[in-house]
Amino acid sequence: MWLEASNTIHYLGAALGAGLAAIGAGIGIGTLASSAMQGIARQPSAAGDIRANMILMAAFVEGVALIAEVVAILVVFLK
């Protein structure tokens, strides 16, 4: 009985970690895109630079989320 509960909590923790990483990345990229669009609206001549920086930062945010999800998967398989 205790062993089954331990495995369930283990899986629940991994799923919660992966889910929170995905939610955090979504919020972060949404905020990033919103700020970039506001910057482009204020200064259209800098649209190329703002867009390039936005894509770079979105890749960094997504990379951190991907690493967090890989860690959550490793927690499940390597318990």
PDB file of N, CA and C in Angstrom:
ATOM      1  N   MET A   1       0.827  -1.194   0.000  1.00  0.00           N
ATOM      2  CA  MET A   1       0.000   0.000   0.000  1.00  0.00           C
ATOM      3  C   MET A   1       0.870   1.256   0.000  1.00  0.00           C
ATOM      4  N   TRP A   2       1.854   1.308   0.891  1.00  0.00           N
ATOM      5  CA  TRP A   2       2.708   2.494   0.971  1.00  0.00           C
ATOM      6  C   TRP A   2       3.525   2.646  -0.303  1.00  0.00           C
ATOM      7  N   LEU A   3       3.969   1.531  -0.890  1.00  0.00           N
ATOM      8  CA  LEU A   3       4.775   1.575  -2.104  1.00  0.00           C
ATOM      9  C   LEU A   3       3.967   2.135  -3.268  1.00  0.00           C
ATOM     10  N   GLU A   4       2.704   1.761  -3.357  1.00  0.00           N
ATOM     11  CA  GLU A   4       1.855   2.285  -4.426  1.00  0.00           C
ATOM     12  C   GLU A   4       1.638   3.788  -4.262  1.00  0.00           C
ATOM     13  N   ALA A   5       1.434   4.238  -3.052  1.00  0.00           N
ATOM     14  CA  ALA A   5       1.240   5.670  -2.807  1.00  0.00           C
ATOM     15  C   ALA A   5       2.512   6.440  -3.121  1.00  0.00           C
ATOM     16  N   SER A   6       3.656   5.848  -2.818  1.00  0.00           N
ATOM     17  CA  SER A   6       4.927   6.503  -3.114  1.00  0.00           C
ATOM     18  C   SER A   6       5.114   6.665  -4.620  1.00  0.00           C
ATOM     19  N   ASN A   7       4.788   5.634  -5.392  1.00  0.00           N
ATOM     20  CA  ASN A   7       4.896   5.727  -6.852  1.00  0.00           C
ATOM     21  C   ASN A   7       3.919   6.750  -7.414  1.00  0.00           C
ATOM     22  N   THR A   8       2.730   6.786  -6.865  1.00  0.00           N
ATOM     23  CA  THR A   8       1.731   7.742  -7.338  1.00  0.00           C
ATOM     24  C   THR A   8       2.194   9.171  -7.084  1.00  0.00           C
ATOM     25  N   ILE A   9       2.723   9.422  -5.913  1.00  0.00           N
ATOM     26  CA  ILE A   9       3.218  10.761  -5.593  1.00  0.00           C
ATOM     27  C   ILE A   9       4.408  11.111  -6.476  1.00  0.00           C
ATOM     28  N   HIS A  10       5.220  10.113  -6.774  1.00  0.00           N
ATOM     29  CA  HIS A  10       6.378  10.311  -7.649  1.00  0.00           C
ATOM     30  C   HIS A  10       5.919  10.780  -9.034  1.00  0.00           C
ATOM     31  N   TYR A  11       4.950  10.077  -9.592  1.00  0.00           N
ATOM     32  CA  TYR A  11       4.429  10.442 -10.916  1.00  0.00           C
ATOM     33  C   TYR A  11       3.704  11.784 -10.876  1.00  0.00           C
ATOM     34  N   LEU A  12       2.979  12.021  -9.809  1.00  0.00           N
ATOM     35  CA  LEU A  12       2.265  13.286  -9.667  1.00  0.00           C
ATOM     36  C   LEU A  12       3.235  14.459  -9.601  1.00  0.00           C
ATOM     37  N   GLY A  13       4.329  14.292  -8.877  1.00  0.00           N
ATOM     38  CA  GLY A  13       5.337  15.349  -8.793  1.00  0.00           C
ATOM     39  C   GLY A  13       5.986  15.626 -10.136  1.00  0.00           C
ATOM     40  N   ALA A  14       6.281  14.571 -10.891  1.00  0.00           N
ATOM     41  CA  ALA A  14       6.885  14.754 -12.213  1.00  0.00           C
ATOM     42  C   ALA A  14       5.911  15.445 -13.161  1.00  0.00           C
ATOM     43  N   ALA A  15       4.657  15.035 -13.131  1.00  0.00           N
ATOM     44  CA  ALA A  15       3.660  15.660 -14.003  1.00  0.00           C
ATOM     45  C   ALA A  15       3.429  17.114 -13.616  1.00  0.00           C
ATOM     46  N   LEU A  16       3.402  17.386 -12.340  1.00  0.00           N
ATOM     47  CA  LEU A  16       3.221  18.759 -11.873  1.00  0.00           C
ATOM     48  C   LEU A  16       4.403  19.632 -12.280  1.00  0.00           C
ATOM     49  N   GLY A  17       5.607  19.094 -12.173  1.00  0.00           N
ATOM     50  CA  GLY A  17       6.792  19.843 -12.585  1.00  0.00           C
ATOM     51  C   GLY A  17       6.789  20.155 -14.068  1.00  0.00           C
ATOM     52  N   ALA A  18       6.447  19.170 -14.891  1.00  0.00           N
ATOM     53  CA  ALA A  18       6.398  19.393 -16.338  1.00  0.00           C
ATOM     54  C   ALA A  18       5.283  20.374 -16.696  1.00  0.00           C
ATOM     55  N   GLY A  19       4.148  20.246 -16.039  1.00  0.00           N
ATOM     56  CA  GLY A  19       3.033  21.150 -16.318  1.00  0.00           C
ATOM     57  C   GLY A  19       3.329  22.585 -15.933  1.00  0.00           C
ATOM     58  N   LEU A  20       3.930  22.774 -14.776  1.00  0.00           N
ATOM     59  CA  LEU A  20       4.280  24.131 -14.353  1.00  0.00           C
ATOM     60  C   LEU A  20       5.345  24.740 -15.255  1.00  0.00           C
ATOM     61  N   ALA A  21       6.261  23.919 -15.742  1.00  0.00           N
ATOM     62  CA  ALA A  21       7.274  24.425 -16.678  1.00  0.00           C
ATOM     63  C   ALA A  21       6.616  24.892 -17.974  1.00  0.00           C
ATOM     64  N   ALA A  22       5.659  24.123 -18.464  1.00  0.00           N
ATOM     65  CA  ALA A  22       4.970  24.504 -19.699  1.00  0.00           C
ATOM     66  C   ALA A  22       4.123  25.765 -19.496  1.00  0.00           C
ATOM     67  N   ILE A  23       3.439  25.848 -18.368  1.00  0.00           N
ATOM     68  CA  ILE A  23       2.628  27.034 -18.087  1.00  0.00           C
ATOM     69  C   ILE A  23       3.520  28.266 -17.935  1.00  0.00           C
ATOM     70  N   GLY A  24       4.627  28.114 -17.232  1.00  0.00           N
ATOM     71  CA  GLY A  24       5.553  29.230 -17.055  1.00  0.00           C
ATOM     72  C   GLY A  24       6.132  29.705 -18.370  1.00  0.00           C
ATOM     73  N   ALA A  25       6.472  28.762 -19.244  1.00  0.00           N
ATOM     74  CA  ALA A  25       7.005  29.139 -20.556  1.00  0.00           C
ATOM     75  C   ALA A  25       5.943  29.857 -21.383  1.00  0.00           C
ATOM     76  N   GLY A  26       4.719  29.386 -21.319  1.00  0.00           N
ATOM     77  CA  GLY A  26       3.644  30.045 -22.061  1.00  0.00           C
ATOM     78  C   GLY A  26       3.402  31.466 -21.594  1.00  0.00           C
ATOM     79  N   ILE A  27       3.385  31.655 -20.299  1.00  0.00           N
ATOM     80  CA  ILE A  27       3.202  33.002 -19.756  1.00  0.00           C
ATOM     81  C   ILE A  27       4.390  33.885 -20.114  1.00  0.00           C
ATOM     82  N   GLY A  28       5.590  33.338 -19.993  1.00  0.00           N
ATOM     83  CA  GLY A  28       6.787  34.113 -20.304  1.00  0.00           C
ATOM     84  C   GLY A  28       6.855  34.542 -21.760  1.00  0.00           C
ATOM     85  N   ILE A  29       6.556  33.629 -22.663  1.00  0.00           N
ATOM     86  CA  ILE A  29       6.600  33.966 -24.084  1.00  0.00           C
ATOM     87  C   ILE A  29       5.473  34.930 -24.440  1.00  0.00           C
ATOM     88  N   GLY A  30       4.321  34.776 -23.817  1.00  0.00           N
ATOM     89  CA  GLY A  30       3.223  35.715 -24.056  1.00  0.00           C
ATOM     90  C   GLY A  30       3.565  37.125 -23.607  1.00  0.00           C
ATOM     91  N   THR A  31       4.160  37.242 -22.440  1.00  0.00           N
ATOM     92  CA  THR A  31       4.587  38.552 -21.941  1.00  0.00           C
ATOM     93  C   THR A  31       5.672  39.144 -22.827  1.00  0.00           C
ATOM     94  N   LEU A  32       6.592  38.303 -23.254  1.00  0.00           N
ATOM     95  CA  LEU A  32       7.675  38.736 -24.130  1.00  0.00           C
ATOM     96  C   LEU A  32       7.131  39.264 -25.458  1.00  0.00           C
ATOM     97  N   ALA A  33       6.209  38.535 -26.055  1.00  0.00           N
ATOM     98  CA  ALA A  33       5.632  38.965 -27.329  1.00  0.00           C
ATOM     99  C   ALA A  33       4.823  40.248 -27.162  1.00  0.00           C
ATOM    100  N   SER A  34       4.102  40.360 -26.064  1.00  0.00           N
ATOM    101  CA  SER A  34       3.331  41.571 -25.811  1.00  0.00           C
ATOM    102  C   SER A  34       4.237  42.790 -25.702  1.00  0.00           C
ATOM    103  N   SER A  35       5.313  42.643 -24.959  1.00  0.00           N
ATOM    104  CA  SER A  35       6.252  43.761 -24.813  1.00  0.00           C
ATOM    105  C   SER A  35       6.928  44.101 -26.134  1.00  0.00           C
ATOM    106  N   ALA A  36       7.245  43.087 -26.918  1.00  0.00           N
ATOM    107  CA  ALA A  36       7.875  43.340 -28.218  1.00  0.00           C
ATOM    108  C   ALA A  36       6.913  44.075 -29.148  1.00  0.00           C
ATOM    109  N   MET A  37       5.655  43.687 -29.151  1.00  0.00           N
ATOM    110  CA  MET A  37       4.684  44.362 -30.016  1.00  0.00           C
ATOM    111  C   MET A  37       4.473  45.807 -29.577  1.00  0.00           C
ATOM    112  N   GLN A  38       4.474  46.058 -28.275  1.00  0.00           N
ATOM    113  CA  GLN A  38       4.366  47.434 -27.793  1.00  0.00           C
ATOM    114  C   GLN A  38       5.579  48.251 -28.209  1.00  0.00           C
ATOM    115  N   GLY A  39       6.750  47.644 -28.147  1.00  0.00           N
ATOM    116  CA  GLY A  39       7.963  48.342 -28.574  1.00  0.00           C
ATOM    117  C   GLY A  39       7.959  48.652 -30.058  1.00  0.00           C
ATOM    118  N   ILE A  40       7.474  47.713 -30.867  1.00  0.00           N
ATOM    119  CA  ILE A  40       7.391  47.944 -32.312  1.00  0.00           C
ATOM    120  C   ILE A  40       6.364  49.028 -32.613  1.00  0.00           C
ATOM    121  N   ALA A  41       5.263  49.051 -31.849  1.00  0.00           N
ATOM    122  CA  ALA A  41       4.251  50.085 -32.065  1.00  0.00           C
ATOM    123  C   ALA A  41       4.793  51.470 -31.720  1.00  0.00           C
ATOM    124  N   ARG A  42       5.649  51.548 -30.708  1.00  0.00           N
ATOM    125  CA  ARG A  42       6.221  52.840 -30.320  1.00  0.00           C
ATOM    126  C   ARG A  42       7.316  53.297 -31.271  1.00  0.00           C
ATOM    127  N   GLN A  43       8.089  52.345 -31.781  1.00  0.00           N
ATOM    128  CA  GLN A  43       9.221  52.698 -32.633  1.00  0.00           C
ATOM    129  C   GLN A  43       9.302  51.714 -33.809  1.00  0.00           C
ATOM    130  N   PRO A  44       8.505  51.952 -34.841  1.00  0.00           N
ATOM    131  CA  PRO A  44       8.461  51.015 -35.972  1.00  0.00           C
ATOM    132  C   PRO A  44       9.796  50.861 -36.702  1.00  0.00           C
ATOM    133  N   SER A  45      10.657  51.848 -36.621  1.00  0.00           N
ATOM    134  CA  SER A  45      11.936  51.752 -37.331  1.00  0.00           C
ATOM    135  C   SER A  45      12.859  50.693 -36.719  1.00  0.00           C
ATOM    136  N   ALA A  46      12.625  50.322 -35.474  1.00  0.00           N
ATOM    137  CA  ALA A  46      13.452  49.318 -34.802  1.00  0.00           C
ATOM    138  C   ALA A  46      12.798  47.943 -34.803  1.00  0.00           C
ATOM    139  N   ALA A  47      11.837  47.733 -35.690  1.00  0.00           N
ATOM    140  CA  ALA A  47      11.080  46.484 -35.691  1.00  0.00           C
ATOM    141  C   ALA A  47      11.971  45.266 -35.911  1.00  0.00           C
ATOM    142  N   GLY A  48      12.934  45.374 -36.804  1.00  0.00           N
ATOM    143  CA  GLY A  48      13.810  44.235 -37.082  1.00  0.00           C
ATOM    144  C   GLY A  48      14.640  43.828 -35.878  1.00  0.00           C
ATOM    145  N   ASP A  49      15.218  44.812 -35.196  1.00  0.00           N
ATOM    146  CA  ASP A  49      16.027  44.517 -34.013  1.00  0.00           C
ATOM    147  C   ASP A  49      15.170  43.948 -32.883  1.00  0.00           C
ATOM    148  N   ILE A  50      13.997  44.537 -32.680  1.00  0.00           N
ATOM    149  CA  ILE A  50      13.112  44.069 -31.611  1.00  0.00           C
ATOM    150  C   ILE A  50      12.654  42.646 -31.898  1.00  0.00           C
ATOM    151  N   ARG A  51      12.298  42.373 -33.146  1.00  0.00           N
ATOM    152  CA  ARG A  51      11.832  41.042 -33.521  1.00  0.00           C
ATOM    153  C   ARG A  51      12.943  40.001 -33.332  1.00  0.00           C
ATOM    154  N   ALA A  52      14.160  40.343 -33.731  1.00  0.00           N
ATOM    155  CA  ALA A  52      15.276  39.404 -33.574  1.00  0.00           C
ATOM    156  C   ALA A  52      15.543  39.103 -32.103  1.00  0.00           C
ATOM    157  N   ASN A  53      15.526  40.137 -31.279  1.00  0.00           N
ATOM    158  CA  ASN A  53      15.731  39.925 -29.841  1.00  0.00           C
ATOM    159  C   ASN A  53      14.588  39.134 -29.222  1.00  0.00           C
ATOM    160  N   MET A  54      13.364  39.370 -29.698  1.00  0.00           N
ATOM    161  CA  MET A  54      12.220  38.633 -29.178  1.00  0.00           C
ATOM    162  C   MET A  54      12.349  37.147 -29.499  1.00  0.00           C
ATOM    163  N   ILE A  55      12.744  36.823 -30.715  1.00  0.00           N
ATOM    164  CA  ILE A  55      12.884  35.418 -31.099  1.00  0.00           C
ATOM    165  C   ILE A  55      13.989  34.747 -30.289  1.00  0.00           C
ATOM    166  N   LEU A  56      15.086  35.448 -30.077  1.00  0.00           N
ATOM    167  CA  LEU A  56      16.188  34.902 -29.284  1.00  0.00           C
ATOM    168  C   LEU A  56      15.752  34.638 -27.840  1.00  0.00           C
ATOM    169  N   MET A  57      15.071  35.590 -27.239  1.00  0.00           N
ATOM    170  CA  MET A  57      14.623  35.413 -25.856  1.00  0.00           C
ATOM    171  C   MET A  57      13.555  34.321 -25.751  1.00  0.00           C
ATOM    172  N   ALA A  58      12.678  34.223 -26.750  1.00  0.00           N
ATOM    173  CA  ALA A  58      11.671  33.159 -26.738  1.00  0.00           C
ATOM    174  C   ALA A  58      12.343  31.791 -26.805  1.00  0.00           C
ATOM    175  N   ALA A  59      13.411  31.694 -27.585  1.00  0.00           N
ATOM    176  CA  ALA A  59      14.147  30.428 -27.655  1.00  0.00           C
ATOM    177  C   ALA A  59      14.776  30.091 -26.308  1.00  0.00           C
ATOM    178  N   PHE A  60      15.308  31.092 -25.611  1.00  0.00           N
ATOM    179  CA  PHE A  60      15.886  30.843 -24.289  1.00  0.00           C
ATOM    180  C   PHE A  60      14.822  30.387 -23.295  1.00  0.00           C
ATOM    181  N   VAL A  61      13.671  31.042 -23.305  1.00  0.00           N
ATOM    182  CA  VAL A  61      12.587  30.664 -22.391  1.00  0.00           C
ATOM    183  C   VAL A  61      12.117  29.249 -22.701  1.00  0.00           C
ATOM    184  N   GLU A  62      11.959  28.942 -23.967  1.00  0.00           N
ATOM    185  CA  GLU A  62      11.507  27.610 -24.367  1.00  0.00           C
ATOM    186  C   GLU A  62      12.560  26.556 -24.024  1.00  0.00           C
ATOM    187  N   GLY A  63      13.829  26.927 -24.128  1.00  0.00           N
ATOM    188  CA  GLY A  63      14.898  25.998 -23.771  1.00  0.00           C
ATOM    189  C   GLY A  63      14.882  25.641 -22.299  1.00  0.00           C
ATOM    190  N   VAL A  64      14.655  26.623 -21.455  1.00  0.00           N
ATOM    191  CA  VAL A  64      14.568  26.357 -20.014  1.00  0.00           C
ATOM    192  C   VAL A  64      13.376  25.455 -19.715  1.00  0.00           C
ATOM    193  N   ALA A  65      12.254  25.692 -20.380  1.00  0.00           N
ATOM    194  CA  ALA A  65      11.076  24.846 -20.176  1.00  0.00           C
ATOM    195  C   ALA A  65      11.344  23.424 -20.658  1.00  0.00           C
ATOM    196  N   LEU A  66      12.038  23.290 -21.766  1.00  0.00           N
ATOM    197  CA  LEU A  66      12.362  21.961 -22.283  1.00  0.00           C
ATOM    198  C   LEU A  66      13.271  21.212 -21.315  1.00  0.00           C
ATOM    199  N   ILE A  67      14.251  21.895 -20.758  1.00  0.00           N
ATOM    200  CA  ILE A  67      15.139  21.256 -19.781  1.00  0.00           C
ATOM    201  C   ILE A  67      14.346  20.822 -18.550  1.00  0.00           C
ATOM    202  N   ALA A  68      13.415  21.646 -18.101  1.00  0.00           N
ATOM    203  CA  ALA A  68      12.591  21.283 -16.944  1.00  0.00           C
ATOM    204  C   ALA A  68      11.729  20.062 -17.243  1.00  0.00           C
ATOM    205  N   GLU A  69      11.207  19.970 -18.454  1.00  0.00           N
ATOM    206  CA  GLU A  69      10.392  18.809 -18.808  1.00  0.00           C
ATOM    207  C   GLU A  69      11.240  17.551 -18.939  1.00  0.00           C
ATOM    208  N   VAL A  70      12.453  17.682 -19.440  1.00  0.00           N
ATOM    209  CA  VAL A  70      13.356  16.528 -19.511  1.00  0.00           C
ATOM    210  C   VAL A  70      13.703  16.046 -18.103  1.00  0.00           C
ATOM    211  N   VAL A  71      13.931  16.969 -17.191  1.00  0.00           N
ATOM    212  CA  VAL A  71      14.208  16.586 -15.804  1.00  0.00           C
ATOM    213  C   VAL A  71      13.007  15.865 -15.207  1.00  0.00           C
ATOM    214  N   ALA A  72      11.800  16.329 -15.498  1.00  0.00           N
ATOM    215  CA  ALA A  72      10.597  15.664 -14.986  1.00  0.00           C
ATOM    216  C   ALA A  72      10.476  14.251 -15.550  1.00  0.00           C
ATOM    217  N   ILE A  73      10.807  14.076 -16.814  1.00  0.00           N
ATOM    218  CA  ILE A  73      10.766  12.736 -17.411  1.00  0.00           C
ATOM    219  C   ILE A  73      11.835  11.843 -16.783  1.00  0.00           C
ATOM    220  N   LEU A  74      13.019  12.399 -16.545  1.00  0.00           N
ATOM    221  CA  LEU A  74      14.076  11.619 -15.902  1.00  0.00           C
ATOM    222  C   LEU A  74      13.687  11.207 -14.488  1.00  0.00           C
ATOM    223  N   VAL A  75      12.962  12.061 -13.796  1.00  0.00           N
ATOM    224  CA  VAL A  75      12.500  11.717 -12.448  1.00  0.00           C
ATOM    225  C   VAL A  75      11.602  10.489 -12.499  1.00  0.00           C
ATOM    226  N   VAL A  76      10.772  10.394 -13.528  1.00  0.00           N
ATOM    227  CA  VAL A  76       9.871   9.249 -13.652  1.00  0.00           C
ATOM    228  C   VAL A  76      10.655   7.976 -13.953  1.00  0.00           C
ATOM    229  N   PHE A  77      11.593   8.062 -14.890  1.00  0.00           N
ATOM    230  CA  PHE A  77      12.271   6.850 -15.329  1.00  0.00           C
ATOM    231  C   PHE A  77      13.428   6.422 -14.430  1.00  0.00           C
ATOM    232  N   LEU A  78      14.028   7.340 -13.706  1.00  0.00           N
ATOM    233  CA  LEU A  78      15.188   7.001 -12.887  1.00  0.00           C
ATOM    234  C   LEU A  78      14.893   6.939 -11.397  1.00  0.00           C
ATOM    235  N   LYS A  79      13.644   7.091 -11.019  1.00  0.00           N
ATOM    236  CA  LYS A  79      13.262   7.141  -9.618  1.00  0.00           C
ATOM    237  C   LYS A  79      14.286   6.453  -8.795  1.00  0.00           C
TER     238      LYS A  79
END
